[in-house]
C-alpha cells in the first residue's frame, strides 16, 4: 500500500475510534468527504467489496463470518463518493500534487500536450513518463496503472486497438468497451481521459459495471438528484474528454451502467481489472458466454499463478481443451516491479501486485 493509502487507512481508523467514543454508530459514519481527492480508496485488510468467498462467509455466520462482517463494517467505504457532487474534481484538486508532478489533461501554455502517440512507442513506465514530460519523482503511476492497464489490454493483449490505426483525414476508429467490476476506479474517473491521448483519432465508449457502480448510482438517484452519478443513463456520459488536435483529438465517453443493458450497444471488448476469475463462481456464466460468442475479453490479475490456475479452470469449465483460446500472461506497463507500487500485504514472496499481470480470456 502506498504511503497515501496507509495515511488514509490510519485516519479512517482514528475517525472510527473517535465516533465510537462519542457514541456514534459505525453504520452512520460517513467517509465521503475525507478530502483525499483521487487518492481516496477503501482501507483495511478487505480491499474489495464483500463478494464471493467473503460474502459467503458473512452469510454462513459463525465466528469467522462474524469477524469478517465486523471487519467489513469497520472499513466500510463508498467507492465513487465524489460522484455525489455536481462536478468532477479538476487535475489539481484531484491529484493534490505539485503541478510539475501531475499528468494534466487540461493543457495551457505552461503545460503543453504530449506528442502524437502514434509517433512514439510506449512500452513501460520510462517511456510513458518521458512522453508525458514527468519526473520520476511523480507518484502518478500509483493511480495511472488503472487506465494504462486498459490501454495495454486493448492494444497488446487483445489487439483490438492501435495508436497508429486512426488517421487525421480518415474514418475515426470506434471502440465500445465494457469495464467489469469497477470499484476504486470510480474515485478517479477523469484519469481515464489518458486513453484519448494514447489512441489518436479514436472514439472510445467505456461503460463501467459492478456492484459499486449500482450502489453509487442508486444512492445518487435516491438522495442526490443533481449529482453526477444521478445523471447516469445510456444516453448521458458521466464524463467526456477530447484530446487536443495536436495529440490526435481522441475522444472518450465514460458511462455508469444503469438498468437496460442493451441500450449501451453491443460491446466490442470486455475488460476486468484484478478480476479473480477463478475465485468467484459468479464469473463462470461470463466465461462461458465470451467463449461461445468469441467476444474479446482481457483481464488483469494480482499474481501470475492466478493466471495459470484460471487456464485449468477454463479447461474444466468448458470440458474441451480445443475450445479455449491461448491465454497470454505478462507484466504490463501499468504494473512495474513490486518495489515501485508496493507488494500487497499477503503471505507470499511471489510478486502480488494490483494489475500486475494480464491474461487474454478470449481474443486473437
Protein backbone atom coordinates (compact mmCIF):
# COMPACT_ATOMS: atom_id res chain seq x y z
CA UNK A 1 0.00 0.00 0.00
CA UNK A 2 1.32 3.46 -0.81
CA UNK A 3 2.12 5.96 1.95
CA UNK A 4 -1.03 7.87 0.99
CA UNK A 5 -3.03 4.66 1.31
CA UNK A 6 -1.53 3.99 4.73
CA UNK A 7 -2.27 7.57 5.77
CA UNK A 8 -5.86 7.20 4.61
CA UNK A 9 -6.36 3.90 6.48
CA UNK A 10 -4.82 5.32 9.65
CA UNK A 11 -7.01 8.41 9.53
CA UNK A 12 -10.09 6.29 8.86
CA UNK A 13 -9.37 4.11 11.90
CA UNK A 14 -8.82 7.17 14.09
CA UNK A 15 -12.14 8.64 12.96
CA UNK A 16 -13.91 5.37 13.79
CA UNK A 17 -12.45 5.32 17.31
CA UNK A 18 -13.50 8.93 17.82
CA UNK A 19 -17.00 8.16 16.58
CA UNK A 20 -17.40 5.11 18.82
CA UNK A 21 -16.17 7.03 21.86
CA UNK A 22 -18.75 9.70 21.08
CA UNK A 23 -21.49 7.09 20.85
CA UNK A 24 -21.85 7.32 17.06
CA UNK A 25 -22.57 4.04 15.30
CA UNK A 26 -20.17 2.79 12.65
CA UNK A 27 -23.05 2.46 10.20
CA UNK A 28 -23.83 6.19 10.36
CA UNK A 29 -20.25 7.39 9.93
CA UNK A 30 -19.57 8.99 6.54
CA UNK A 31 -16.15 8.87 4.86
CA UNK A 32 -17.25 10.50 1.63
CA UNK A 33 -15.61 13.87 2.40
CA UNK A 34 -12.18 12.89 3.70
CA UNK A 35 -10.55 15.20 1.17
CA UNK A 36 -8.02 12.87 -0.41
CA UNK A 37 -9.12 13.61 -3.98
CA UNK A 38 -8.23 10.89 -6.49
CA UNK A 39 -6.31 9.07 -3.75
CA UNK A 40 -9.42 8.17 -1.75
CA UNK A 41 -9.92 4.42 -1.51
CA UNK A 42 -11.03 1.60 0.72
CA UNK A 43 -8.62 0.89 3.60
CA UNK A 44 -8.03 -2.10 5.84
CA UNK A 45 -7.45 -5.78 5.10
CA UNK A 46 -10.58 -6.20 2.91
CA UNK A 47 -9.61 -4.39 -0.28
CA UNK A 48 -12.76 -5.13 -2.28
CA UNK A 49 -16.49 -5.09 -1.68
CA UNK A 50 -17.56 -8.20 0.28
CA UNK A 51 -18.42 -10.50 -2.61
CA UNK A 52 -17.59 -14.11 -3.45
CA UNK A 53 -16.00 -16.07 -0.61
CA UNK A 54 -16.14 -13.07 1.74
CA UNK A 55 -19.88 -12.61 1.21
CA UNK A 56 -20.37 -16.37 1.60
CA UNK A 57 -18.51 -16.35 4.94
CA UNK A 58 -20.66 -13.47 6.19
CA UNK A 59 -23.82 -15.28 5.11
CA UNK A 60 -22.83 -18.52 6.88
CA UNK A 61 -22.12 -16.73 10.13
CA UNK A 62 -20.10 -18.47 12.81
CA UNK A 63 -17.04 -16.96 14.48
CA UNK A 64 -15.19 -16.40 11.22
CA UNK A 65 -18.25 -14.97 9.47
CA UNK A 66 -18.91 -12.56 12.34
CA UNK A 67 -15.27 -11.45 12.34
CA UNK A 68 -15.32 -10.82 8.58
CA UNK A 69 -18.62 -8.95 8.85
CA UNK A 70 -17.26 -6.71 11.61
CA UNK A 71 -14.08 -6.07 9.62
CA UNK A 72 -16.06 -5.18 6.50
CA UNK A 73 -18.22 -2.85 8.57
CA UNK A 74 -15.22 -1.28 10.28
CA UNK A 75 -13.60 -0.37 6.96
CA UNK A 76 -16.77 0.37 5.05
CA UNK A 77 -16.25 2.88 2.25
CA UNK A 78 -18.40 4.21 -0.57
CA UNK A 79 -16.46 3.96 -3.81
CA UNK A 80 -17.28 6.86 -6.10
CA UNK A 81 -18.44 9.20 -3.35
CA UNK A 82 -17.01 12.12 -5.36
CA UNK A 83 -19.69 11.36 -7.96
CA UNK A 84 -22.29 12.57 -5.47
CA UNK A 85 -21.01 16.07 -6.23
CA UNK A 86 -22.24 18.11 -9.18
CA UNK A 87 -18.89 18.31 -10.97
CA UNK A 88 -15.69 16.30 -11.29
CA UNK A 89 -12.51 17.20 -9.46
CA UNK A 90 -10.07 19.10 -11.63
CA UNK A 91 -6.49 17.91 -12.09
CA UNK A 92 -5.01 19.91 -9.23
CA UNK A 93 -7.75 19.24 -6.68
CA UNK A 94 -7.81 15.57 -7.59
CA UNK A 95 -4.10 14.81 -7.64
CA UNK A 96 -3.14 17.12 -4.73
CA UNK A 97 0.43 17.29 -6.04
CA UNK A 98 2.81 19.98 -7.18
CA UNK A 99 1.92 20.96 -10.77
CA UNK A 100 5.15 19.56 -12.25
CA UNK A 101 4.20 16.10 -10.89
CA UNK A 102 0.69 15.99 -12.42
CA UNK A 103 -0.16 14.30 -15.75
CA UNK A 104 -2.51 17.08 -16.84
CA UNK A 105 -5.35 16.57 -19.30
CA UNK A 106 -6.30 20.24 -19.49
CA UNK A 107 -3.37 21.95 -21.17
CA UNK A 108 -2.15 25.52 -21.42
CA UNK A 109 0.93 27.48 -22.45
CA UNK A 110 2.56 26.27 -19.22
CA UNK A 111 1.56 22.60 -19.61
CA UNK A 112 1.84 21.55 -23.24
CA UNK A 113 0.03 18.43 -24.52
CA UNK A 114 2.11 15.34 -25.28
CA UNK A 115 3.30 14.36 -28.73
CA UNK A 116 1.02 12.38 -31.02
CA UNK A 117 1.03 8.86 -29.51
CA UNK A 118 1.38 7.25 -32.95
CA UNK A 119 4.79 8.93 -33.26
CA UNK A 120 6.21 7.39 -30.08
CA UNK A 121 6.50 3.91 -28.60
CA UNK A 122 5.06 3.46 -25.11
CA UNK A 123 6.04 0.12 -23.66
CA UNK A 124 6.82 0.80 -19.99
CA UNK A 125 6.75 3.46 -17.32
CA UNK A 126 10.01 5.00 -18.53
CA UNK A 127 8.59 5.69 -21.97
CA UNK A 128 5.27 6.90 -20.55
CA UNK A 129 6.94 9.31 -18.10
CA UNK A 130 9.11 10.65 -20.92
CA UNK A 131 6.12 11.07 -23.25
CA UNK A 132 4.19 12.91 -20.52
CA UNK A 133 7.24 15.00 -19.55
CA UNK A 134 7.02 13.93 -15.92
CA UNK A 135 9.92 13.49 -13.50
CA UNK A 136 10.31 10.08 -11.90
CA UNK A 137 9.53 11.72 -8.54
CA UNK A 138 5.89 11.89 -9.61
CA UNK A 139 3.78 9.19 -7.92
CA UNK A 140 1.32 9.27 -10.85
CA UNK A 141 1.92 5.58 -11.63
CA UNK A 142 0.24 4.64 -8.35
CA UNK A 143 -3.12 5.59 -9.90
CA UNK A 144 -2.42 5.68 -13.61
CA UNK A 145 -1.85 1.92 -13.73
CA UNK A 146 -5.65 1.53 -14.00
CA UNK A 147 -6.14 3.44 -17.29
CA UNK A 148 -2.75 2.22 -18.53
CA UNK A 149 -3.84 -1.36 -17.87
CA UNK A 150 -6.91 -0.82 -20.05
CA UNK A 151 -4.64 0.58 -22.77
CA UNK A 152 -2.35 -2.43 -22.59
CA UNK A 153 -5.25 -4.87 -22.65
CA UNK A 154 -6.76 -3.21 -25.72
CA UNK A 155 -3.52 -2.70 -27.65
CA UNK A 156 -1.20 -5.54 -26.69
CA UNK A 157 -3.24 -8.31 -25.03
CA UNK A 158 -6.38 -8.27 -27.20
CA UNK A 159 -5.05 -6.26 -30.15
CA UNK A 160 -8.36 -4.54 -30.80
CA UNK A 161 -6.80 -1.06 -30.79
CA UNK A 162 -3.65 0.57 -32.12
CA UNK A 163 -2.31 4.13 -31.71
CA UNK A 164 -1.49 4.06 -35.43
CA UNK A 165 -4.91 2.80 -36.59
CA UNK A 166 -6.59 6.19 -36.87
CA UNK A 167 -5.76 8.82 -39.46
CA UNK A 168 -6.46 12.57 -39.33
CA UNK A 169 -8.30 12.52 -42.68
CA UNK A 170 -9.74 9.02 -42.49
CA UNK A 171 -12.71 7.48 -40.66
CA UNK A 172 -12.36 7.50 -36.90
CA UNK A 173 -11.77 4.23 -35.08
CA UNK A 174 -14.70 3.14 -32.87
CA UNK A 175 -14.30 1.23 -29.60
CA UNK A 176 -17.13 0.16 -27.29
CA UNK A 177 -15.61 -1.44 -24.21
CA UNK A 178 -17.40 -2.73 -21.13
CA UNK A 179 -15.38 -2.44 -17.93
CA UNK A 180 -16.46 -5.12 -15.44
CA UNK A 181 -16.26 -4.93 -11.65
CA UNK A 182 -15.27 -1.30 -11.25
CA UNK A 183 -14.71 -0.21 -7.64
CA UNK A 184 -11.81 2.07 -6.71
CA UNK A 185 -11.74 3.40 -10.30
CA UNK A 186 -14.94 5.32 -9.54
CA UNK A 187 -12.85 7.62 -7.33
CA UNK A 188 -10.75 8.88 -10.24
CA UNK A 189 -12.77 8.54 -13.44
CA UNK A 190 -11.18 11.65 -15.05
CA UNK A 191 -7.86 9.79 -15.22
CA UNK A 192 -9.30 7.58 -17.98
CA UNK A 193 -9.01 10.62 -20.24
CA UNK A 194 -5.48 9.31 -20.77
CA UNK A 195 -6.91 6.77 -23.22
CA UNK A 196 -7.96 9.61 -25.54
CA UNK A 197 -4.36 10.82 -25.62
CA UNK A 198 -2.99 7.31 -26.13
CA UNK A 199 -5.35 6.42 -29.02
CA UNK A 200 -5.43 9.26 -31.57
CA UNK A 201 -8.40 9.67 -33.93
CA UNK A 202 -10.34 7.11 -31.90
CA UNK A 203 -13.79 7.38 -30.30
CA UNK A 204 -13.89 5.33 -27.08
CA UNK A 205 -17.06 4.39 -25.24
CA UNK A 206 -16.23 2.92 -21.84
CA UNK A 207 -19.14 1.57 -19.76
CA UNK A 208 -18.48 0.70 -16.11
CA UNK A 209 -20.30 -2.21 -14.46
CA UNK A 210 -20.28 -3.69 -10.97
CA UNK A 211 -21.80 -3.71 -7.52
CA UNK A 212 -20.06 -0.45 -6.61
CA UNK A 213 -21.49 1.19 -9.74
CA UNK A 214 -25.00 0.02 -8.87
CA UNK A 215 -24.59 1.26 -5.28
CA UNK A 216 -23.41 4.77 -6.13
CA UNK A 217 -25.96 5.26 -8.92
CA UNK A 218 -28.83 4.06 -6.71
CA UNK A 219 -27.74 6.29 -3.83
CA UNK A 220 -27.35 9.28 -6.12
CA UNK A 221 -30.76 8.90 -7.77
CA UNK A 222 -32.42 8.44 -4.37
CA UNK A 223 -30.82 11.26 -2.38
CA UNK A 224 -28.55 13.37 -4.65
CA UNK A 225 -30.70 14.07 -7.74
CA UNK A 226 -28.42 16.83 -9.09
CA UNK A 227 -25.20 14.86 -8.68
CA UNK A 228 -23.01 13.43 -11.42
CA UNK A 229 -23.96 9.83 -10.65
CA UNK A 230 -27.68 10.65 -10.67
CA UNK A 231 -27.38 11.61 -14.33
CA UNK A 232 -26.19 8.12 -15.31
CA UNK A 233 -28.08 6.78 -18.32
CA UNK A 234 -27.36 5.07 -21.66
CA UNK A 235 -27.58 8.45 -23.40
CA UNK A 236 -25.64 10.63 -20.94
CA UNK A 237 -21.93 10.00 -20.34
CA UNK A 238 -20.77 10.62 -16.78
CA UNK A 239 -17.55 12.09 -18.14
CA UNK A 240 -16.33 13.18 -21.59
CA UNK A 241 -12.95 14.30 -22.84
CA UNK A 242 -11.44 15.22 -26.19
CA UNK A 243 -7.67 15.37 -26.62
CA UNK A 244 -6.10 18.43 -28.27
CA UNK A 245 -5.80 18.39 -32.06
CA UNK A 246 -2.01 18.17 -31.89
CA UNK A 247 -2.37 15.00 -29.79
CA UNK A 248 -4.77 13.34 -32.23
CA UNK A 249 -8.18 14.54 -31.00
CA UNK A 250 -9.04 11.18 -29.45
CA UNK A 251 -12.40 11.17 -27.65
CA UNK A 252 -13.62 9.18 -24.68
CA UNK A 253 -17.02 8.97 -23.02
CA UNK A 254 -17.49 7.19 -19.70
CA UNK A 255 -20.83 5.71 -18.67
CA UNK A 256 -22.08 4.22 -15.41
CA UNK A 257 -24.30 1.24 -16.06
CA UNK A 258 -27.92 1.83 -15.13
CA UNK A 259 -30.83 -0.52 -16.00
CA UNK A 260 -31.38 -1.57 -19.63
CA UNK A 261 -28.10 -3.24 -20.58
CA UNK A 262 -28.95 -3.45 -24.28
CA UNK A 263 -29.27 0.32 -24.50
CA UNK A 264 -25.48 0.73 -24.24
CA UNK A 265 -24.88 -1.09 -27.51
CA UNK A 266 -23.07 -4.35 -28.10
CA UNK A 267 -19.52 -4.17 -26.73
CA UNK A 268 -16.56 -4.81 -28.97
CA UNK A 269 -14.43 -5.75 -25.97
CA UNK A 270 -14.67 -6.66 -22.28
CA UNK A 271 -12.00 -5.82 -19.71
CA UNK A 272 -11.87 -6.50 -15.98
CA UNK A 273 -9.16 -5.32 -13.55
CA UNK A 274 -7.89 -7.65 -10.81
CA UNK A 275 -10.71 -9.93 -11.84
CA UNK A 276 -10.17 -13.09 -9.80
CA UNK A 277 -11.93 -15.22 -12.41
CA UNK A 278 -11.11 -18.41 -10.52
CA UNK A 279 -12.08 -17.02 -7.12
CA UNK A 280 -15.73 -16.16 -7.74
CA UNK A 281 -18.24 -18.60 -9.23
CA UNK A 282 -20.29 -15.63 -10.45
CA UNK A 283 -17.72 -15.24 -13.24
CA UNK A 284 -18.47 -18.66 -14.75
CA UNK A 285 -21.51 -17.64 -16.87
CA UNK A 286 -19.49 -14.75 -18.28
CA UNK A 287 -16.59 -17.07 -19.13
CA UNK A 288 -18.93 -19.44 -20.94
CA UNK A 289 -20.60 -16.58 -22.79
CA UNK A 290 -17.41 -14.98 -24.13
CA UNK A 291 -16.17 -18.35 -25.37
CA UNK A 292 -19.47 -19.10 -27.07
CA UNK A 293 -19.60 -15.69 -28.76
CA UNK A 294 -15.81 -15.19 -29.13
CA UNK A 295 -16.17 -11.73 -27.62
CA UNK A 296 -12.66 -10.40 -26.85
CA UNK A 297 -12.14 -10.41 -23.08
CA UNK A 298 -8.97 -9.42 -21.24
CA UNK A 299 -8.30 -9.21 -17.51
CA UNK A 300 -5.56 -8.30 -15.09
CA UNK A 301 -4.65 -10.32 -12.03
CA UNK A 302 -2.59 -9.76 -8.92
CA UNK A 303 -0.41 -12.86 -9.37
CA UNK A 304 0.96 -14.90 -12.26
CA UNK A 305 -0.05 -18.18 -10.62
CA UNK A 306 -3.66 -16.93 -10.65
CA UNK A 307 -3.49 -16.74 -14.44
CA UNK A 308 -2.06 -20.26 -14.65
CA UNK A 309 -4.72 -21.65 -12.31
CA UNK A 310 -7.50 -19.99 -14.26
CA UNK A 311 -6.43 -21.62 -17.51
CA UNK A 312 -7.01 -25.00 -15.86
CA UNK A 313 -10.39 -23.84 -14.56
CA UNK A 314 -11.38 -22.79 -18.10
CA UNK A 315 -10.48 -26.24 -19.39
CA UNK A 316 -12.65 -27.96 -16.80
CA UNK A 317 -15.46 -25.47 -17.24
CA UNK A 318 -15.60 -25.78 -21.00
CA UNK A 319 -14.78 -29.50 -20.92
CA UNK A 320 -12.98 -29.44 -24.25
CA UNK A 321 -9.46 -28.11 -24.44
CA UNK A 322 -9.84 -27.07 -28.07
CA UNK A 323 -12.48 -24.52 -27.11
CA UNK A 324 -10.04 -22.46 -25.07
CA UNK A 325 -8.01 -19.84 -26.94
CA UNK A 326 -4.48 -19.43 -25.64
CA UNK A 327 -4.01 -17.14 -22.67
CA UNK A 328 -1.26 -14.57 -22.62
CA UNK A 329 0.41 -13.67 -19.35
CA UNK A 330 2.99 -11.00 -18.78
CA UNK A 331 3.89 -7.87 -16.84
CA UNK A 332 2.10 -4.80 -18.16
CA UNK A 333 3.24 -1.15 -18.19
CA UNK A 334 0.53 -0.48 -15.59
CA UNK A 335 2.36 -2.68 -13.08
CA UNK A 336 6.10 -2.32 -12.70
CA UNK A 337 8.12 -4.25 -10.14
CA UNK A 338 6.80 -4.69 -6.58
CA UNK A 339 9.45 -2.27 -5.35
CA UNK A 340 7.67 0.52 -7.24
CA UNK A 341 3.98 0.07 -6.48
CA UNK A 342 4.36 -1.95 -3.32
CA UNK A 343 3.68 -5.60 -2.67
CA UNK A 344 0.17 -6.43 -1.47
CA UNK A 345 0.00 -7.46 2.22
CA UNK A 346 -0.41 -11.18 1.51
CA UNK A 347 1.67 -14.10 2.88
CA UNK A 348 3.75 -14.76 -0.24
CA UNK A 349 7.17 -13.81 -1.56
CA UNK A 350 6.00 -14.04 -5.16
CA UNK A 351 5.01 -10.83 -6.97
CA UNK A 352 1.46 -9.90 -6.00
CA UNK A 353 0.59 -6.51 -7.42
CA UNK A 354 -2.60 -4.64 -8.41
CA UNK A 355 -2.95 -5.02 -12.18
CA UNK A 356 0.28 -6.99 -12.08
CA UNK A 357 -0.35 -9.49 -14.90
CA UNK A 358 -2.51 -9.62 -17.99
CA UNK A 359 -4.47 -12.57 -19.34
CA UNK A 360 -6.36 -12.98 -22.58
CA UNK A 361 -9.50 -14.98 -21.89
CA UNK A 362 -10.76 -14.73 -25.48
CA UNK A 363 -9.06 -12.88 -28.30
CA UNK A 364 -6.77 -13.03 -31.29
